[in-house]
């Protein structure tokens, strides 16, 4: 709908590389920040990929 000129979208700046030609990102001001949380089952271990993401977010995982 955005590409057809029929609407607008709110999306993270990381999506900018996926925009087709002719579209551009305009920052929303004031800047909005949010806190993301991971949650999982208390009765069994988390999947190793979830654990890896958690460790990277906490700064305890391997450097990328």
PDB file of N, CA and C in Angstrom:
ATOM      1  N   UNK A   1       0.822  -1.185   0.000  1.00  0.00           N
ATOM      2  CA  UNK A   1       0.000   0.000   0.000  1.00  0.00           C
ATOM      3  C   UNK A   1       0.869   1.253   0.000  1.00  0.00           C
ATOM      4  N   UNK A   2       2.000   1.191   0.715  1.00  0.00           N
ATOM      5  CA  UNK A   2       2.898   2.342   0.742  1.00  0.00           C
ATOM      6  C   UNK A   2       3.461   2.585  -0.649  1.00  0.00           C
ATOM      7  N   UNK A   3       3.949   1.535  -1.277  1.00  0.00           N
ATOM      8  CA  UNK A   3       4.541   1.673  -2.603  1.00  0.00           C
ATOM      9  C   UNK A   3       3.532   2.212  -3.624  1.00  0.00           C
ATOM     10  N   UNK A   4       2.258   1.877  -3.455  1.00  0.00           N
ATOM     11  CA  UNK A   4       1.220   2.351  -4.362  1.00  0.00           C
ATOM     12  C   UNK A   4       0.762   3.771  -4.026  1.00  0.00           C
ATOM     13  N   UNK A   5       1.299   4.350  -2.945  1.00  0.00           N
ATOM     14  CA  UNK A   5       0.908   5.699  -2.556  1.00  0.00           C
ATOM     15  C   UNK A   5      -0.405   5.760  -1.805  1.00  0.00           C
ATOM     16  N   UNK A   6      -0.816   4.630  -1.231  1.00  0.00           N
ATOM     17  CA  UNK A   6      -2.104   4.565  -0.547  1.00  0.00           C
ATOM     18  C   UNK A   6      -1.997   4.574   0.974  1.00  0.00           C
ATOM     19  N   UNK A   7      -0.803   4.647   1.514  1.00  0.00           N
ATOM     20  CA  UNK A   7      -0.676   4.607   2.961  1.00  0.00           C
ATOM     21  C   UNK A   7       0.736   4.832   3.420  1.00  0.00           C
ATOM     22  N   UNK A   8       0.924   4.757   4.704  1.00  0.00           N
ATOM     23  CA  UNK A   8       2.234   4.877   5.336  1.00  0.00           C
ATOM     24  C   UNK A   8       2.442   3.664   6.232  1.00  0.00           C
ATOM     25  N   UNK A   9       3.673   3.468   6.677  1.00  0.00           N
ATOM     26  CA  UNK A   9       3.974   2.359   7.581  1.00  0.00           C
ATOM     27  C   UNK A   9       4.984   2.815   8.622  1.00  0.00           C
ATOM     28  N   UNK A  10       4.900   2.223   9.784  1.00  0.00           N
ATOM     29  CA  UNK A  10       5.887   2.423  10.839  1.00  0.00           C
ATOM     30  C   UNK A  10       6.668   1.127  10.946  1.00  0.00           C
ATOM     31  N   UNK A  11       7.994   1.219  10.783  1.00  0.00           N
ATOM     32  CA  UNK A  11       8.818   0.023  10.840  1.00  0.00           C
ATOM     33  C   UNK A  11      10.190   0.379  11.369  1.00  0.00           C
ATOM     34  N   UNK A  12      10.938  -0.612  11.860  1.00  0.00           N
ATOM     35  CA  UNK A  12      12.269  -0.341  12.396  1.00  0.00           C
ATOM     36  C   UNK A  12      13.238   0.041  11.290  1.00  0.00           C
ATOM     37  N   UNK A  13      14.239   0.828  11.637  1.00  0.00           N
ATOM     38  CA  UNK A  13      15.214   1.284  10.650  1.00  0.00           C
ATOM     39  C   UNK A  13      15.991   0.131  10.016  1.00  0.00           C
ATOM     40  N   UNK A  14      16.071  -1.005  10.698  1.00  0.00           N
ATOM     41  CA  UNK A  14      16.761  -2.163  10.115  1.00  0.00           C
ATOM     42  C   UNK A  14      16.099  -2.628   8.827  1.00  0.00           C
ATOM     43  N   UNK A  15      14.826  -2.320   8.636  1.00  0.00           N
ATOM     44  CA  UNK A  15      14.107  -2.728   7.433  1.00  0.00           C
ATOM     45  C   UNK A  15      14.443  -1.844   6.236  1.00  0.00           C
ATOM     46  N   UNK A  16      15.185  -0.777   6.439  1.00  0.00           N
ATOM     47  CA  UNK A  16      15.501   0.143   5.358  1.00  0.00           C
ATOM     48  C   UNK A  16      16.183  -0.502   4.175  1.00  0.00           C
ATOM     49  N   UNK A  17      17.013  -1.489   4.416  1.00  0.00           N
ATOM     50  CA  UNK A  17      17.719  -2.151   3.312  1.00  0.00           C
ATOM     51  C   UNK A  17      16.786  -2.990   2.454  1.00  0.00           C
ATOM     52  N   UNK A  18      15.573  -3.254   2.912  1.00  0.00           N
ATOM     53  CA  UNK A  18      14.620  -4.064   2.157  1.00  0.00           C
ATOM     54  C   UNK A  18      13.607  -3.218   1.386  1.00  0.00           C
ATOM     55  N   UNK A  19      13.693  -1.901   1.507  1.00  0.00           N
ATOM     56  CA  UNK A  19      12.736  -1.040   0.826  1.00  0.00           C
ATOM     57  C   UNK A  19      12.984  -1.038  -0.678  1.00  0.00           C
ATOM     58  N   UNK A  20      11.929  -1.082  -1.469  1.00  0.00           N
ATOM     59  CA  UNK A  20      12.109  -0.967  -2.910  1.00  0.00           C
ATOM     60  C   UNK A  20      12.508   0.461  -3.276  1.00  0.00           C
ATOM     61  N   UNK A  21      13.080   0.640  -4.471  1.00  0.00           N
ATOM     62  CA  UNK A  21      13.465   1.964  -4.929  1.00  0.00           C
ATOM     63  C   UNK A  21      12.284   2.909  -4.924  1.00  0.00           C
ATOM     64  N   UNK A  22      12.540   4.177  -4.668  1.00  0.00           N
ATOM     65  CA  UNK A  22      11.468   5.157  -4.644  1.00  0.00           C
ATOM     66  C   UNK A  22      10.862   5.374  -3.278  1.00  0.00           C
ATOM     67  N   UNK A  23      11.178   4.517  -2.305  1.00  0.00           N
ATOM     68  CA  UNK A  23      10.689   4.682  -0.937  1.00  0.00           C
ATOM     69  C   UNK A  23      11.849   5.074  -0.047  1.00  0.00           C
ATOM     70  N   UNK A  24      11.562   5.820   0.995  1.00  0.00           N
ATOM     71  CA  UNK A  24      12.606   6.237   1.918  1.00  0.00           C
ATOM     72  C   UNK A  24      12.080   6.179   3.345  1.00  0.00           C
ATOM     73  N   UNK A  25      13.004   6.080   4.274  1.00  0.00           N
ATOM     74  CA  UNK A  25      12.643   6.110   5.694  1.00  0.00           C
ATOM     75  C   UNK A  25      12.762   7.537   6.199  1.00  0.00           C
ATOM     76  N   UNK A  26      11.821   7.955   7.004  1.00  0.00           N
ATOM     77  CA  UNK A  26      11.854   9.258   7.653  1.00  0.00           C
ATOM     78  C   UNK A  26      11.792   8.997   9.149  1.00  0.00           C
ATOM     79  N   UNK A  27      12.786   9.458   9.907  1.00  0.00           N
ATOM     80  CA  UNK A  27      12.776   9.179  11.342  1.00  0.00           C
ATOM     81  C   UNK A  27      11.582   9.819  12.046  1.00  0.00           C
ATOM     82  N   UNK A  28      11.014   9.082  12.960  1.00  0.00           N
ATOM     83  CA  UNK A  28       9.929   9.610  13.795  1.00  0.00           C
ATOM     84  C   UNK A  28      10.545  10.376  14.951  1.00  0.00           C
ATOM     85  N   UNK A  29      10.070  11.571  15.164  1.00  0.00           N
ATOM     86  CA  UNK A  29      10.593  12.390  16.255  1.00  0.00           C
ATOM     87  C   UNK A  29       9.453  12.766  17.167  1.00  0.00           C
ATOM     88  N   UNK A  30       9.591  12.710  18.461  1.00  0.00           N
ATOM     89  CA  UNK A  30      10.798  12.308  19.162  1.00  0.00           C
ATOM     90  C   UNK A  30      11.044  10.812  19.026  1.00  0.00           C
ATOM     91  N   UNK A  31      12.304  10.440  19.204  1.00  0.00           N
ATOM     92  CA  UNK A  31      12.700   9.041  19.095  1.00  0.00           C
ATOM     93  C   UNK A  31      11.977   8.215  20.160  1.00  0.00           C
ATOM     94  N   UNK A  32      11.494   7.059  19.745  1.00  0.00           N
ATOM     95  CA  UNK A  32      10.790   6.163  20.655  1.00  0.00           C
ATOM     96  C   UNK A  32      11.688   4.963  20.921  1.00  0.00           C
ATOM     97  N   UNK A  33      11.888   4.649  22.165  1.00  0.00           N
ATOM     98  CA  UNK A  33      12.669   3.477  22.538  1.00  0.00           C
ATOM     99  C   UNK A  33      11.767   2.513  23.279  1.00  0.00           C
ATOM    100  N   UNK A  34      12.135   1.258  23.214  1.00  0.00           N
ATOM    101  CA  UNK A  34      11.348   0.250  23.911  1.00  0.00           C
ATOM    102  C   UNK A  34      12.284  -0.776  24.533  1.00  0.00           C
ATOM    103  N   UNK A  35      11.747  -1.506  25.455  1.00  0.00           N
ATOM    104  CA  UNK A  35      12.492  -2.560  26.129  1.00  0.00           C
ATOM    105  C   UNK A  35      11.916  -3.891  25.669  1.00  0.00           C
ATOM    106  N   UNK A  36      12.783  -4.761  25.163  1.00  0.00           N
ATOM    107  CA  UNK A  36      12.353  -6.078  24.707  1.00  0.00           C
ATOM    108  C   UNK A  36      12.670  -7.107  25.785  1.00  0.00           C
ATOM    109  N   UNK A  37      11.776  -8.050  25.963  1.00  0.00           N
ATOM    110  CA  UNK A  37      11.951  -9.080  26.982  1.00  0.00           C
ATOM    111  C   UNK A  37      11.884 -10.458  26.343  1.00  0.00           C
ATOM    112  N   UNK A  38      12.692 -11.363  26.858  1.00  0.00           N
ATOM    113  CA  UNK A  38      12.620 -12.771  26.468  1.00  0.00           C
ATOM    114  C   UNK A  38      11.965 -13.529  27.613  1.00  0.00           C
ATOM    115  N   UNK A  39      11.126 -14.451  27.270  1.00  0.00           N
ATOM    116  CA  UNK A  39      10.510 -15.284  28.294  1.00  0.00           C
ATOM    117  C   UNK A  39      10.447 -16.722  27.780  1.00  0.00           C
ATOM    118  N   UNK A  40      10.409 -17.629  28.678  1.00  0.00           N
ATOM    119  CA  UNK A  40      10.366 -19.031  28.281  1.00  0.00           C
ATOM    120  C   UNK A  40       9.803 -19.890  29.400  1.00  0.00           C
ATOM    121  N   UNK A  41       9.726 -21.184  29.145  1.00  0.00           N
ATOM    122  CA  UNK A  41       9.143 -22.084  30.145  1.00  0.00           C
ATOM    123  C   UNK A  41      10.025 -22.200  31.387  1.00  0.00           C
ATOM    124  N   UNK A  42       9.401 -22.224  32.533  1.00  0.00           N
ATOM    125  CA  UNK A  42      10.140 -22.368  33.793  1.00  0.00           C
ATOM    126  C   UNK A  42      10.402 -23.838  34.123  1.00  0.00           C
ATOM    127  N   UNK A  43       9.699 -24.752  33.439  1.00  0.00           N
ATOM    128  CA  UNK A  43       9.780 -26.165  33.795  1.00  0.00           C
ATOM    129  C   UNK A  43      10.734 -26.969  32.916  1.00  0.00           C
ATOM    130  N   UNK A  44      11.335 -26.325  31.910  1.00  0.00           N
ATOM    131  CA  UNK A  44      12.299 -27.039  31.068  1.00  0.00           C
ATOM    132  C   UNK A  44      13.310 -26.042  30.508  1.00  0.00           C
ATOM    133  N   UNK A  45      14.446 -26.520  30.030  1.00  0.00           N
ATOM    134  CA  UNK A  45      15.469 -25.601  29.513  1.00  0.00           C
ATOM    135  C   UNK A  45      15.000 -24.884  28.256  1.00  0.00           C
ATOM    136  N   UNK A  46      15.542 -23.684  28.061  1.00  0.00           N
ATOM    137  CA  UNK A  46      15.257 -22.936  26.844  1.00  0.00           C
ATOM    138  C   UNK A  46      15.991 -23.565  25.671  1.00  0.00           C
ATOM    139  N   UNK A  47      15.482 -23.361  24.496  1.00  0.00           N
ATOM    140  CA  UNK A  47      16.146 -23.809  23.273  1.00  0.00           C
ATOM    141  C   UNK A  47      17.518 -23.133  23.202  1.00  0.00           C
ATOM    142  N   UNK A  48      18.548 -23.819  22.732  1.00  0.00           N
ATOM    143  CA  UNK A  48      19.890 -23.227  22.662  1.00  0.00           C
ATOM    144  C   UNK A  48      19.950 -21.912  21.882  1.00  0.00           C
ATOM    145  N   UNK A  49      19.122 -21.741  20.860  1.00  0.00           N
ATOM    146  CA  UNK A  49      19.136 -20.478  20.110  1.00  0.00           C
ATOM    147  C   UNK A  49      18.628 -19.324  20.967  1.00  0.00           C
ATOM    148  N   UNK A  50      17.620 -19.580  21.785  1.00  0.00           N
ATOM    149  CA  UNK A  50      17.095 -18.547  22.676  1.00  0.00           C
ATOM    150  C   UNK A  50      18.150 -18.192  23.717  1.00  0.00           C
ATOM    151  N   UNK A  51      18.810 -19.196  24.245  1.00  0.00           N
ATOM    152  CA  UNK A  51      19.875 -18.953  25.219  1.00  0.00           C
ATOM    153  C   UNK A  51      20.993 -18.125  24.600  1.00  0.00           C
ATOM    154  N   UNK A  52      21.353 -18.408  23.342  1.00  0.00           N
ATOM    155  CA  UNK A  52      22.401 -17.653  22.653  1.00  0.00           C
ATOM    156  C   UNK A  52      21.993 -16.195  22.469  1.00  0.00           C
ATOM    157  N   UNK A  53      20.739 -15.946  22.096  1.00  0.00           N
ATOM    158  CA  UNK A  53      20.257 -14.575  21.943  1.00  0.00           C
ATOM    159  C   UNK A  53      20.311 -13.847  23.282  1.00  0.00           C
ATOM    160  N   UNK A  54      19.866 -14.531  24.329  1.00  0.00           N
ATOM    161  CA  UNK A  54      19.915 -13.927  25.667  1.00  0.00           C
ATOM    162  C   UNK A  54      21.338 -13.544  26.033  1.00  0.00           C
ATOM    163  N   UNK A  55      22.274 -14.444  25.810  1.00  0.00           N
ATOM    164  CA  UNK A  55      23.667 -14.178  26.160  1.00  0.00           C
ATOM    165  C   UNK A  55      24.237 -13.009  25.345  1.00  0.00           C
ATOM    166  N   UNK A  56      23.888 -12.935  24.064  1.00  0.00           N
ATOM    167  CA  UNK A  56      24.364 -11.821  23.240  1.00  0.00           C
ATOM    168  C   UNK A  56      23.793 -10.493  23.731  1.00  0.00           C
ATOM    169  N   UNK A  57      22.540 -10.479  24.108  1.00  0.00           N
ATOM    170  CA  UNK A  57      21.911  -9.254  24.581  1.00  0.00           C
ATOM    171  C   UNK A  57      22.494  -8.809  25.913  1.00  0.00           C
ATOM    172  N   UNK A  58      22.908  -9.757  26.723  1.00  0.00           N
ATOM    173  CA  UNK A  58      23.504  -9.422  28.031  1.00  0.00           C
ATOM    174  C   UNK A  58      24.991  -9.128  27.908  1.00  0.00           C
ATOM    175  N   UNK A  59      25.557  -9.324  26.723  1.00  0.00           N
ATOM    176  CA  UNK A  59      26.982  -9.068  26.544  1.00  0.00           C
ATOM    177  C   UNK A  59      27.867 -10.187  27.032  1.00  0.00           C
ATOM    178  N   UNK A  60      27.288 -11.374  27.286  1.00  0.00           N
ATOM    179  CA  UNK A  60      28.097 -12.496  27.779  1.00  0.00           C
ATOM    180  C   UNK A  60      28.357 -13.530  26.687  1.00  0.00           C
ATOM    181  N   UNK A  61      27.806 -13.302  25.486  1.00  0.00           N
ATOM    182  CA  UNK A  61      27.983 -14.255  24.385  1.00  0.00           C
ATOM    183  C   UNK A  61      29.216 -13.914  23.564  1.00  0.00           C
ATOM    184  N   UNK A  62      29.501 -14.721  22.536  1.00  0.00           N
ATOM    185  CA  UNK A  62      30.659 -14.467  21.693  1.00  0.00           C
ATOM    186  C   UNK A  62      30.491 -13.164  20.906  1.00  0.00           C
ATOM    187  N   UNK A  63      31.596 -12.483  20.665  1.00  0.00           N
ATOM    188  CA  UNK A  63      31.568 -11.234  19.885  1.00  0.00           C
ATOM    189  C   UNK A  63      31.220 -11.523  18.447  1.00  0.00           C
ATOM    190  N   UNK A  64      30.462 -10.626  17.860  1.00  0.00           N
ATOM    191  CA  UNK A  64      30.083 -10.800  16.449  1.00  0.00           C
ATOM    192  C   UNK A  64      30.841  -9.825  15.587  1.00  0.00           C
TER     193      UNK A  64
END
